[in-house]
PDB file of N, CA and C in Angstrom:
ATOM      1  N   MET A   1      57.728   7.460 -33.976  1.00  0.00           N
ATOM      2  CA  MET A   1      58.805   7.059 -34.832  1.00  0.00           C
ATOM      3  C   MET A   1      58.345   5.860 -35.645  1.00  0.00           C
ATOM      4  N   GLN A   2      58.515   5.909 -36.932  1.00  0.00           N
ATOM      5  CA  GLN A   2      58.133   4.811 -37.808  1.00  0.00           C
ATOM      6  C   GLN A   2      59.367   4.008 -38.189  1.00  0.00           C
ATOM      7  N   LYS A   3      59.253   2.683 -38.099  1.00  0.00           N
ATOM      8  CA  LYS A   3      60.362   1.820 -38.495  1.00  0.00           C
ATOM      9  C   LYS A   3      60.289   1.547 -39.984  1.00  0.00           C
ATOM     10  N   SER A   4      61.427   1.473 -40.599  1.00  0.00           N
ATOM     11  CA  SER A   4      61.508   1.035 -41.985  1.00  0.00           C
ATOM     12  C   SER A   4      62.492  -0.120 -42.041  1.00  0.00           C
ATOM     13  N   SER A   5      62.572  -0.787 -43.154  1.00  0.00           N
ATOM     14  CA  SER A   5      63.448  -1.951 -43.254  1.00  0.00           C
ATOM     15  C   SER A   5      64.906  -1.533 -43.282  1.00  0.00           C
ATOM     16  N   GLY A   6      65.770  -2.499 -42.958  1.00  0.00           N
ATOM     17  CA  GLY A   6      67.205  -2.267 -43.083  1.00  0.00           C
ATOM     18  C   GLY A   6      67.847  -1.521 -41.935  1.00  0.00           C
ATOM     19  N   GLY A   7      67.309  -1.612 -40.721  1.00  0.00           N
ATOM     20  CA  GLY A   7      67.949  -0.978 -39.588  1.00  0.00           C
ATOM     21  C   GLY A   7      67.848   0.528 -39.591  1.00  0.00           C
ATOM     22  N   GLU A   8      66.737   1.049 -40.054  1.00  0.00           N
ATOM     23  CA  GLU A   8      66.516   2.487 -40.089  1.00  0.00           C
ATOM     24  C   GLU A   8      65.172   2.813 -39.463  1.00  0.00           C
ATOM     25  N   ALA A   9      65.033   4.034 -38.979  1.00  0.00           N
ATOM     26  CA  ALA A   9      63.766   4.499 -38.432  1.00  0.00           C
ATOM     27  C   ALA A   9      63.574   5.953 -38.835  1.00  0.00           C
ATOM     28  N   GLN A  10      62.340   6.298 -39.125  1.00  0.00           N
ATOM     29  CA  GLN A  10      62.001   7.667 -39.501  1.00  0.00           C
ATOM     30  C   GLN A  10      61.468   8.367 -38.259  1.00  0.00           C
ATOM     31  N   ALA A  11      62.213   9.332 -37.754  1.00  0.00           N
ATOM     32  CA  ALA A  11      61.820  10.080 -36.566  1.00  0.00           C
ATOM     33  C   ALA A  11      60.941  11.253 -36.976  1.00  0.00           C
ATOM     34  N   PRO A  12      60.194  11.827 -36.024  1.00  0.00           N
ATOM     35  CA  PRO A  12      59.404  13.011 -36.333  1.00  0.00           C
ATOM     36  C   PRO A  12      60.296  14.119 -36.897  1.00  0.00           C
ATOM     37  N   GLY A  13      59.796  14.830 -37.856  1.00  0.00           N
ATOM     38  CA  GLY A  13      60.563  15.898 -38.480  1.00  0.00           C
ATOM     39  C   GLY A  13      61.374  15.412 -39.671  1.00  0.00           C
ATOM     40  N   GLY A  14      61.170  14.149 -40.042  1.00  0.00           N
ATOM     41  CA  GLY A  14      61.835  13.626 -41.223  1.00  0.00           C
ATOM     42  C   GLY A  14      63.268  13.179 -41.030  1.00  0.00           C
ATOM     43  N   VAL A  15      63.740  13.099 -39.779  1.00  0.00           N
ATOM     44  CA  VAL A  15      65.114  12.675 -39.527  1.00  0.00           C
ATOM     45  C   VAL A  15      65.201  11.164 -39.682  1.00  0.00           C
ATOM     46  N   LEU A  16      66.155  10.703 -40.462  1.00  0.00           N
ATOM     47  CA  LEU A  16      66.352   9.274 -40.669  1.00  0.00           C
ATOM     48  C   LEU A  16      67.432   8.785 -39.715  1.00  0.00           C
ATOM     49  N   LEU A  17      67.067   7.837 -38.856  1.00  0.00           N
ATOM     50  CA  LEU A  17      68.004   7.265 -37.896  1.00  0.00           C
ATOM     51  C   LEU A  17      68.433   5.895 -38.381  1.00  0.00           C
ATOM     52  N   LYS A  18      69.711   5.609 -38.325  1.00  0.00           N
ATOM     53  CA  LYS A  18      70.230   4.290 -38.675  1.00  0.00           C
ATOM     54  C   LYS A  18      70.773   3.651 -37.408  1.00  0.00           C
ATOM     55  N   PHE A  19      70.527   2.349 -37.279  1.00  0.00           N
ATOM     56  CA  PHE A  19      70.994   1.669 -36.082  1.00  0.00           C
ATOM     57  C   PHE A  19      71.474   0.281 -36.428  1.00  0.00           C
ATOM     58  N   SER A  20      72.291  -0.254 -35.529  1.00  0.00           N
ATOM     59  CA  SER A  20      72.781  -1.618 -35.670  1.00  0.00           C
ATOM     60  C   SER A  20      72.888  -2.222 -34.280  1.00  0.00           C
ATOM     61  N   THR A  21      73.045  -3.511 -34.208  1.00  0.00           N
ATOM     62  CA  THR A  21      73.180  -4.171 -32.917  1.00  0.00           C
ATOM     63  C   THR A  21      74.644  -4.224 -32.520  1.00  0.00           C
ATOM     64  N   LEU A  22      74.890  -4.191 -31.225  1.00  0.00           N
ATOM     65  CA  LEU A  22      76.236  -4.274 -30.694  1.00  0.00           C
ATOM     66  C   LEU A  22      76.452  -5.653 -30.093  1.00  0.00           C
ATOM     67  N   SER A  23      77.622  -6.155 -30.196  1.00  0.00           N
ATOM     68  CA  SER A  23      77.962  -7.421 -29.572  1.00  0.00           C
ATOM     69  C   SER A  23      78.781  -7.124 -28.325  1.00  0.00           C
ATOM     70  N   ILE A  24      78.210  -7.418 -27.177  1.00  0.00           N
ATOM     71  CA  ILE A  24      78.862  -7.160 -25.896  1.00  0.00           C
ATOM     72  C   ILE A  24      79.017  -8.496 -25.186  1.00  0.00           C
ATOM     73  N   PRO A  25      80.182  -8.781 -24.608  1.00  0.00           N
ATOM     74  CA  PRO A  25      80.354 -10.058 -23.928  1.00  0.00           C
ATOM     75  C   PRO A  25      79.318 -10.251 -22.824  1.00  0.00           C
ATOM     76  N   ARG A  26      78.806 -11.458 -22.717  1.00  0.00           N
ATOM     77  CA  ARG A  26      77.783 -11.725 -21.707  1.00  0.00           C
ATOM     78  C   ARG A  26      78.410 -12.019 -20.360  1.00  0.00           C
ATOM     79  N   HIS A  27      77.609 -11.979 -19.327  1.00  0.00           N
ATOM     80  CA  HIS A  27      78.045 -12.300 -17.979  1.00  0.00           C
ATOM     81  C   HIS A  27      78.140 -13.817 -17.896  1.00  0.00           C
ATOM     82  N   PRO A  28      79.325 -14.394 -17.731  1.00  0.00           N
ATOM     83  CA  PRO A  28      79.511 -15.824 -17.912  1.00  0.00           C
ATOM     84  C   PRO A  28      78.797 -16.739 -16.916  1.00  0.00           C
ATOM     85  N   GLN A  29      78.616 -16.330 -15.668  1.00  0.00           N
ATOM     86  CA  GLN A  29      78.064 -17.274 -14.715  1.00  0.00           C
ATOM     87  C   GLN A  29      76.582 -17.058 -14.394  1.00  0.00           C
ATOM     88  N   ILE A  30      75.903 -16.168 -15.081  1.00  0.00           N
ATOM     89  CA  ILE A  30      74.506 -15.884 -14.789  1.00  0.00           C
ATOM     90  C   ILE A  30      73.633 -16.314 -15.962  1.00  0.00           C
ATOM     91  N   THR A  31      72.627 -17.123 -15.689  1.00  0.00           N
ATOM     92  CA  THR A  31      71.611 -17.425 -16.689  1.00  0.00           C
ATOM     93  C   THR A  31      70.267 -17.094 -16.058  1.00  0.00           C
ATOM     94  N   CYS A  32      69.392 -16.489 -16.822  1.00  0.00           N
ATOM     95  CA  CYS A  32      68.117 -16.011 -16.296  1.00  0.00           C
ATOM     96  C   CYS A  32      66.977 -16.425 -17.211  1.00  0.00           C
ATOM     97  N   PRO A  33      65.776 -16.557 -16.644  1.00  0.00           N
ATOM     98  CA  PRO A  33      64.608 -16.735 -17.495  1.00  0.00           C
ATOM     99  C   PRO A  33      64.308 -15.421 -18.211  1.00  0.00           C
ATOM    100  N   ALA A  34      63.284 -15.418 -19.029  1.00  0.00           N
ATOM    101  CA  ALA A  34      63.001 -14.275 -19.888  1.00  0.00           C
ATOM    102  C   ALA A  34      62.460 -13.044 -19.173  1.00  0.00           C
ATOM    103  N   LYS A  35      62.346 -13.029 -17.879  1.00  0.00           N
ATOM    104  CA  LYS A  35      61.809 -11.868 -17.160  1.00  0.00           C
ATOM    105  C   LYS A  35      62.954 -10.973 -16.686  1.00  0.00           C
ATOM    106  N   PRO A  36      63.109  -9.776 -17.284  1.00  0.00           N
ATOM    107  CA  PRO A  36      64.243  -8.913 -16.934  1.00  0.00           C
ATOM    108  C   PRO A  36      64.345  -8.576 -15.455  1.00  0.00           C
ATOM    109  N   THR A  37      63.222  -8.391 -14.772  1.00  0.00           N
ATOM    110  CA  THR A  37      63.298  -8.019 -13.360  1.00  0.00           C
ATOM    111  C   THR A  37      63.954  -9.116 -12.537  1.00  0.00           C
ATOM    112  N   TYR A  38      63.715 -10.365 -12.895  1.00  0.00           N
ATOM    113  CA  TYR A  38      64.347 -11.470 -12.181  1.00  0.00           C
ATOM    114  C   TYR A  38      65.848 -11.476 -12.460  1.00  0.00           C
ATOM    115  N   CYS A  39      66.229 -11.223 -13.680  1.00  0.00           N
ATOM    116  CA  CYS A  39      67.646 -11.194 -14.046  1.00  0.00           C
ATOM    117  C   CYS A  39      68.373 -10.074 -13.317  1.00  0.00           C
ATOM    118  N   ILE A  40      67.760  -8.916 -13.240  1.00  0.00           N
ATOM    119  CA  ILE A  40      68.368  -7.773 -12.553  1.00  0.00           C
ATOM    120  C   ILE A  40      68.660  -8.147 -11.111  1.00  0.00           C
ATOM    121  N   GLN A  41      67.676  -8.696 -10.432  1.00  0.00           N
ATOM    122  CA  GLN A  41      67.854  -9.057  -9.032  1.00  0.00           C
ATOM    123  C   GLN A  41      68.888 -10.176  -8.875  1.00  0.00           C
ATOM    124  N   LYS A  42      68.843 -11.166  -9.725  1.00  0.00           N
ATOM    125  CA  LYS A  42      69.772 -12.294  -9.629  1.00  0.00           C
ATOM    126  C   LYS A  42      71.214 -11.840  -9.818  1.00  0.00           C
ATOM    127  N   ILE A  43      71.456 -10.998 -10.808  1.00  0.00           N
ATOM    128  CA  ILE A  43      72.815 -10.503 -11.047  1.00  0.00           C
ATOM    129  C   ILE A  43      73.253  -9.585  -9.909  1.00  0.00           C
ATOM    130  N   ARG A  44      72.338  -8.728  -9.444  1.00  0.00           N
ATOM    131  CA  ARG A  44      72.662  -7.829  -8.319  1.00  0.00           C
ATOM    132  C   ARG A  44      73.089  -8.632  -7.105  1.00  0.00           C
ATOM    133  N   LEU A  45      72.330  -9.675  -6.786  1.00  0.00           N
ATOM    134  CA  LEU A  45      72.653 -10.494  -5.618  1.00  0.00           C
ATOM    135  C   LEU A  45      73.975 -11.238  -5.820  1.00  0.00           C
ATOM    136  N   ALA A  46      74.229 -11.714  -7.036  1.00  0.00           N
ATOM    137  CA  ALA A  46      75.487 -12.413  -7.316  1.00  0.00           C
ATOM    138  C   ALA A  46      76.688 -11.485  -7.137  1.00  0.00           C
ATOM    139  N   LYS A  47      76.497 -10.205  -7.406  1.00  0.00           N
ATOM    140  CA  LYS A  47      77.568  -9.226  -7.233  1.00  0.00           C
ATOM    141  C   LYS A  47      77.686  -8.768  -5.782  1.00  0.00           C
ATOM    142  N   GLY A  48      76.704  -9.106  -4.956  1.00  0.00           N
ATOM    143  CA  GLY A  48      76.745  -8.735  -3.548  1.00  0.00           C
ATOM    144  C   GLY A  48      76.293  -7.317  -3.256  1.00  0.00           C
ATOM    145  N   TYR A  49      75.550  -6.702  -4.177  1.00  0.00           N
ATOM    146  CA  TYR A  49      75.085  -5.327  -3.985  1.00  0.00           C
ATOM    147  C   TYR A  49      73.750  -5.314  -3.248  1.00  0.00           C
ATOM    148  N   SER A  50      73.638  -4.446  -2.267  1.00  0.00           N
ATOM    149  CA  SER A  50      72.332  -4.186  -1.664  1.00  0.00           C
ATOM    150  C   SER A  50      71.530  -3.351  -2.669  1.00  0.00           C
ATOM    151  N   THR A  51      70.232  -3.225  -2.441  1.00  0.00           N
ATOM    152  CA  THR A  51      69.429  -2.400  -3.352  1.00  0.00           C
ATOM    153  C   THR A  51      69.883  -0.942  -3.305  1.00  0.00           C
ATOM    154  N   ARG A  52      70.291  -0.483  -2.143  1.00  0.00           N
ATOM    155  CA  ARG A  52      70.741   0.911  -2.026  1.00  0.00           C
ATOM    156  C   ARG A  52      72.069   1.151  -2.758  1.00  0.00           C
ATOM    157  N   VAL A  53      73.007   0.238  -2.601  1.00  0.00           N
ATOM    158  CA  VAL A  53      74.289   0.372  -3.300  1.00  0.00           C
ATOM    159  C   VAL A  53      74.073   0.282  -4.806  1.00  0.00           C
ATOM    160  N   PHE A  54      73.241  -0.657  -5.215  1.00  0.00           N
ATOM    161  CA  PHE A  54      72.946  -0.820  -6.634  1.00  0.00           C
ATOM    162  C   PHE A  54      72.295   0.438  -7.197  1.00  0.00           C
ATOM    163  N   ALA A  55      71.331   0.998  -6.492  1.00  0.00           N
ATOM    164  CA  ALA A  55      70.664   2.224  -6.944  1.00  0.00           C
ATOM    165  C   ALA A  55      71.677   3.361  -7.081  1.00  0.00           C
ATOM    166  N   TYR A  56      72.582   3.462  -6.132  1.00  0.00           N
ATOM    167  CA  TYR A  56      73.614   4.497  -6.191  1.00  0.00           C
ATOM    168  C   TYR A  56      74.508   4.288  -7.401  1.00  0.00           C
ATOM    169  N   ARG A  57      74.962   3.050  -7.619  1.00  0.00           N
ATOM    170  CA  ARG A  57      75.840   2.745  -8.755  1.00  0.00           C
ATOM    171  C   ARG A  57      75.152   3.023 -10.090  1.00  0.00           C
ATOM    172  N   ALA A  58      73.827   2.755 -10.149  1.00  0.00           N
ATOM    173  CA  ALA A  58      73.072   2.958 -11.389  1.00  0.00           C
ATOM    174  C   ALA A  58      72.565   4.392 -11.537  1.00  0.00           C
ATOM    175  N   ASP A  59      72.728   5.197 -10.495  1.00  0.00           N
ATOM    176  CA  ASP A  59      72.262   6.588 -10.499  1.00  0.00           C
ATOM    177  C   ASP A  59      70.753   6.669 -10.723  1.00  0.00           C
ATOM    178  N   ILE A  60      70.027   5.806  -9.996  1.00  0.00           N
ATOM    179  CA  ILE A  60      68.560   5.834 -10.018  1.00  0.00           C
ATOM    180  C   ILE A  60      68.060   5.784  -8.579  1.00  0.00           C
ATOM    181  N   ALA A  61      66.796   6.077  -8.391  1.00  0.00           N
ATOM    182  CA  ALA A  61      66.214   6.080  -7.050  1.00  0.00           C
ATOM    183  C   ALA A  61      66.117   4.661  -6.487  1.00  0.00           C
ATOM    184  N   HIS A  62      66.362   4.542  -5.195  1.00  0.00           N
ATOM    185  CA  HIS A  62      66.247   3.250  -4.519  1.00  0.00           C
ATOM    186  C   HIS A  62      64.857   2.658  -4.711  1.00  0.00           C
ATOM    187  N   SER A  63      63.842   3.494  -4.653  1.00  0.00           N
ATOM    188  CA  SER A  63      62.465   3.006  -4.834  1.00  0.00           C
ATOM    189  C   SER A  63      62.252   2.432  -6.233  1.00  0.00           C
ATOM    190  N   THR A  64      62.975   2.963  -7.216  1.00  0.00           N
ATOM    191  CA  THR A  64      62.881   2.434  -8.583  1.00  0.00           C
ATOM    192  C   THR A  64      63.415   1.008  -8.637  1.00  0.00           C
ATOM    193  N   VAL A  65      64.537   0.769  -7.988  1.00  0.00           N
ATOM    194  CA  VAL A  65      65.105  -0.584  -7.937  1.00  0.00           C
ATOM    195  C   VAL A  65      64.115  -1.541  -7.281  1.00  0.00           C
ATOM    196  N   GLU A  66      63.535  -1.119  -6.158  1.00  0.00           N
ATOM    197  CA  GLU A  66      62.579  -1.977  -5.463  1.00  0.00           C
ATOM    198  C   GLU A  66      61.362  -2.277  -6.335  1.00  0.00           C
ATOM    199  N   LYS A  67      60.836  -1.281  -7.034  1.00  0.00           N
ATOM    200  CA  LYS A  67      59.673  -1.483  -7.898  1.00  0.00           C
ATOM    201  C   LYS A  67      60.006  -2.383  -9.089  1.00  0.00           C
ATOM    202  N   LEU A  68      61.190  -2.200  -9.661  1.00  0.00           N
ATOM    203  CA  LEU A  68      61.602  -3.033 -10.780  1.00  0.00           C
ATOM    204  C   LEU A  68      61.717  -4.492 -10.359  1.00  0.00           C
ATOM    205  N   GLU A  69      62.384  -4.723  -9.250  1.00  0.00           N
ATOM    206  CA  GLU A  69      62.592  -6.091  -8.789  1.00  0.00           C
ATOM    207  C   GLU A  69      61.299  -6.753  -8.323  1.00  0.00           C
ATOM    208  N   ALA A  70      60.349  -5.959  -7.889  1.00  0.00           N
ATOM    209  CA  ALA A  70      59.051  -6.499  -7.469  1.00  0.00           C
ATOM    210  C   ALA A  70      58.116  -6.695  -8.659  1.00  0.00           C
ATOM    211  N   GLY A  71      58.533  -6.241  -9.837  1.00  0.00           N
ATOM    212  CA  GLY A  71      57.699  -6.356 -11.028  1.00  0.00           C
ATOM    213  C   GLY A  71      56.578  -5.343 -11.076  1.00  0.00           C
ATOM    214  N   GLU A  72      56.709  -4.268 -10.305  1.00  0.00           N
ATOM    215  CA  GLU A  72      55.670  -3.241 -10.239  1.00  0.00           C
ATOM    216  C   GLU A  72      55.829  -2.164 -11.313  1.00  0.00           C
ATOM    217  N   MET A  73      56.960  -2.168 -12.009  1.00  0.00           N
ATOM    218  CA  MET A  73      57.158  -1.209 -13.094  1.00  0.00           C
ATOM    219  C   MET A  73      58.067  -1.820 -14.138  1.00  0.00           C
ATOM    220  N   ASN A  74      57.934  -1.330 -15.357  1.00  0.00           N
ATOM    221  CA  ASN A  74      58.797  -1.755 -16.452  1.00  0.00           C
ATOM    222  C   ASN A  74      59.842  -0.684 -16.681  1.00  0.00           C
ATOM    223  N   PRO A  75      61.098  -1.078 -16.829  1.00  0.00           N
ATOM    224  CA  PRO A  75      62.157  -0.074 -17.004  1.00  0.00           C
ATOM    225  C   PRO A  75      62.172   0.505 -18.417  1.00  0.00           C
ATOM    226  N   SER A  76      62.512   1.773 -18.506  1.00  0.00           N
ATOM    227  CA  SER A  76      62.721   2.407 -19.811  1.00  0.00           C
ATOM    228  C   SER A  76      64.083   1.955 -20.343  1.00  0.00           C
ATOM    229  N   LEU A  77      64.365   2.250 -21.584  1.00  0.00           N
ATOM    230  CA  LEU A  77      65.659   1.891 -22.162  1.00  0.00           C
ATOM    231  C   LEU A  77      66.794   2.590 -21.415  1.00  0.00           C
ATOM    232  N   ILE A  78      66.595   3.846 -21.047  1.00  0.00           N
ATOM    233  CA  ILE A  78      67.624   4.589 -20.308  1.00  0.00           C
ATOM    234  C   ILE A  78      67.922   3.898 -18.988  1.00  0.00           C
ATOM    235  N   ILE A  79      66.876   3.488 -18.264  1.00  0.00           N
ATOM    236  CA  ILE A  79      67.062   2.790 -16.987  1.00  0.00           C
ATOM    237  C   ILE A  79      67.776   1.465 -17.224  1.00  0.00           C
ATOM    238  N   LEU A  80      67.374   0.714 -18.254  1.00  0.00           N
ATOM    239  CA  LEU A  80      68.031  -0.560 -18.547  1.00  0.00           C
ATOM    240  C   LEU A  80      69.521  -0.366 -18.826  1.00  0.00           C
ATOM    241  N   LEU A  81      69.864   0.673 -19.565  1.00  0.00           N
ATOM    242  CA  LEU A  81      71.274   0.948 -19.847  1.00  0.00           C
ATOM    243  C   LEU A  81      72.041   1.265 -18.569  1.00  0.00           C
ATOM    244  N   LYS A  82      71.433   2.040 -17.682  1.00  0.00           N
ATOM    245  CA  LYS A  82      72.071   2.361 -16.403  1.00  0.00           C
ATOM    246  C   LYS A  82      72.247   1.099 -15.554  1.00  0.00           C
ATOM    247  N   LEU A  83      71.221   0.251 -15.552  1.00  0.00           N
ATOM    248  CA  LEU A  83      71.294  -0.990 -14.774  1.00  0.00           C
ATOM    249  C   LEU A  83      72.389  -1.902 -15.315  1.00  0.00           C
ATOM    250  N   ALA A  84      72.448  -2.029 -16.630  1.00  0.00           N
ATOM    251  CA  ALA A  84      73.465  -2.891 -17.246  1.00  0.00           C
ATOM    252  C   ALA A  84      74.869  -2.379 -16.925  1.00  0.00           C
ATOM    253  N   GLU A  85      75.057  -1.086 -16.987  1.00  0.00           N
ATOM    254  CA  GLU A  85      76.374  -0.524 -16.670  1.00  0.00           C
ATOM    255  C   GLU A  85      76.730  -0.761 -15.205  1.00  0.00           C
ATOM    256  N   ALA A  86      75.774  -0.548 -14.311  1.00  0.00           N
ATOM    257  CA  ALA A  86      76.030  -0.745 -12.879  1.00  0.00           C
ATOM    258  C   ALA A  86      76.327  -2.208 -12.560  1.00  0.00           C
ATOM    259  N   LEU A  87      75.728  -3.117 -13.317  1.00  0.00           N
ATOM    260  CA  LEU A  87      75.942  -4.548 -13.101  1.00  0.00           C
ATOM    261  C   LEU A  87      77.091  -5.103 -13.937  1.00  0.00           C
ATOM    262  N   GLU A  88      77.715  -4.230 -14.737  1.00  0.00           N
ATOM    263  CA  GLU A  88      78.825  -4.620 -15.604  1.00  0.00           C
ATOM    264  C   GLU A  88      78.429  -5.792 -16.514  1.00  0.00           C
ATOM    265  N   THR A  89      77.269  -5.652 -17.151  1.00  0.00           N
ATOM    266  CA  THR A  89      76.756  -6.671 -18.061  1.00  0.00           C
ATOM    267  C   THR A  89      76.105  -6.000 -19.259  1.00  0.00           C
ATOM    268  N   ASP A  90      75.437  -6.780 -20.105  1.00  0.00           N
ATOM    269  CA  ASP A  90      74.827  -6.218 -21.302  1.00  0.00           C
ATOM    270  C   ASP A  90      73.303  -6.377 -21.244  1.00  0.00           C
ATOM    271  N   LEU A  91      72.614  -5.716 -22.170  1.00  0.00           N
ATOM    272  CA  LEU A  91      71.162  -5.731 -22.184  1.00  0.00           C
ATOM    273  C   LEU A  91      70.586  -7.119 -22.469  1.00  0.00           C
ATOM    274  N   ASN A  92      71.253  -7.896 -23.290  1.00  0.00           N
ATOM    275  CA  ASN A  92      70.769  -9.246 -23.575  1.00  0.00           C
ATOM    276  C   ASN A  92      70.737 -10.106 -22.322  1.00  0.00           C
ATOM    277  N   THR A  93      71.739  -9.976 -21.475  1.00  0.00           N
ATOM    278  CA  THR A  93      71.762 -10.731 -20.223  1.00  0.00           C
ATOM    279  C   THR A  93      70.638 -10.273 -19.316  1.00  0.00           C
ATOM    280  N   LEU A  94      70.402  -8.958 -19.234  1.00  0.00           N
ATOM    281  CA  LEU A  94      69.304  -8.458 -18.406  1.00  0.00           C
ATOM    282  C   LEU A  94      67.955  -8.957 -18.902  1.00  0.00           C
ATOM    283  N   ALA A  95      67.831  -9.114 -20.201  1.00  0.00           N
ATOM    284  CA  ALA A  95      66.566  -9.574 -20.782  1.00  0.00           C
ATOM    285  C   ALA A  95      66.443 -11.097 -20.783  1.00  0.00           C
ATOM    286  N   GLY A  96      67.470 -11.790 -20.291  1.00  0.00           N
ATOM    287  CA  GLY A  96      67.417 -13.244 -20.239  1.00  0.00           C
ATOM    288  C   GLY A  96      67.635 -13.895 -21.589  1.00  0.00           C
ATOM    289  N   LYS A  97      68.244 -13.185 -22.519  1.00  0.00           N
ATOM    290  CA  LYS A  97      68.466 -13.711 -23.866  1.00  0.00           C
ATOM    291  C   LYS A  97      69.733 -14.542 -23.977  1.00  0.00           C
ATOM    292  N   LYS A  98      70.606 -14.457 -23.000  1.00  0.00           N
ATOM    293  CA  LYS A  98      71.865 -15.226 -23.030  1.00  0.00           C
ATOM    294  C   LYS A  98      71.953 -16.084 -21.797  1.00  0.00           C
TER     295      LYS A  98
END
């Protein structure tokens, strides 16, 4: 996929995709450094979720949660979206941007 200016991307096959950013309220009591895996674990613990409960809520494998939190793998966008939904937060908070 090739990016072009103005919030657009050219996908294979000539499809033009337009995108914009969403403003989602941040999690008020959590601040994280710039490492998403640390933020995921910190928010999970603040919510009181075990890794197994969190994996179930996010609809991902328990081993995936363990690998993410250990820094052994990088999450895909789909996984990040599932994690954010399970933690009732937004992607910026997971990325340590807020």
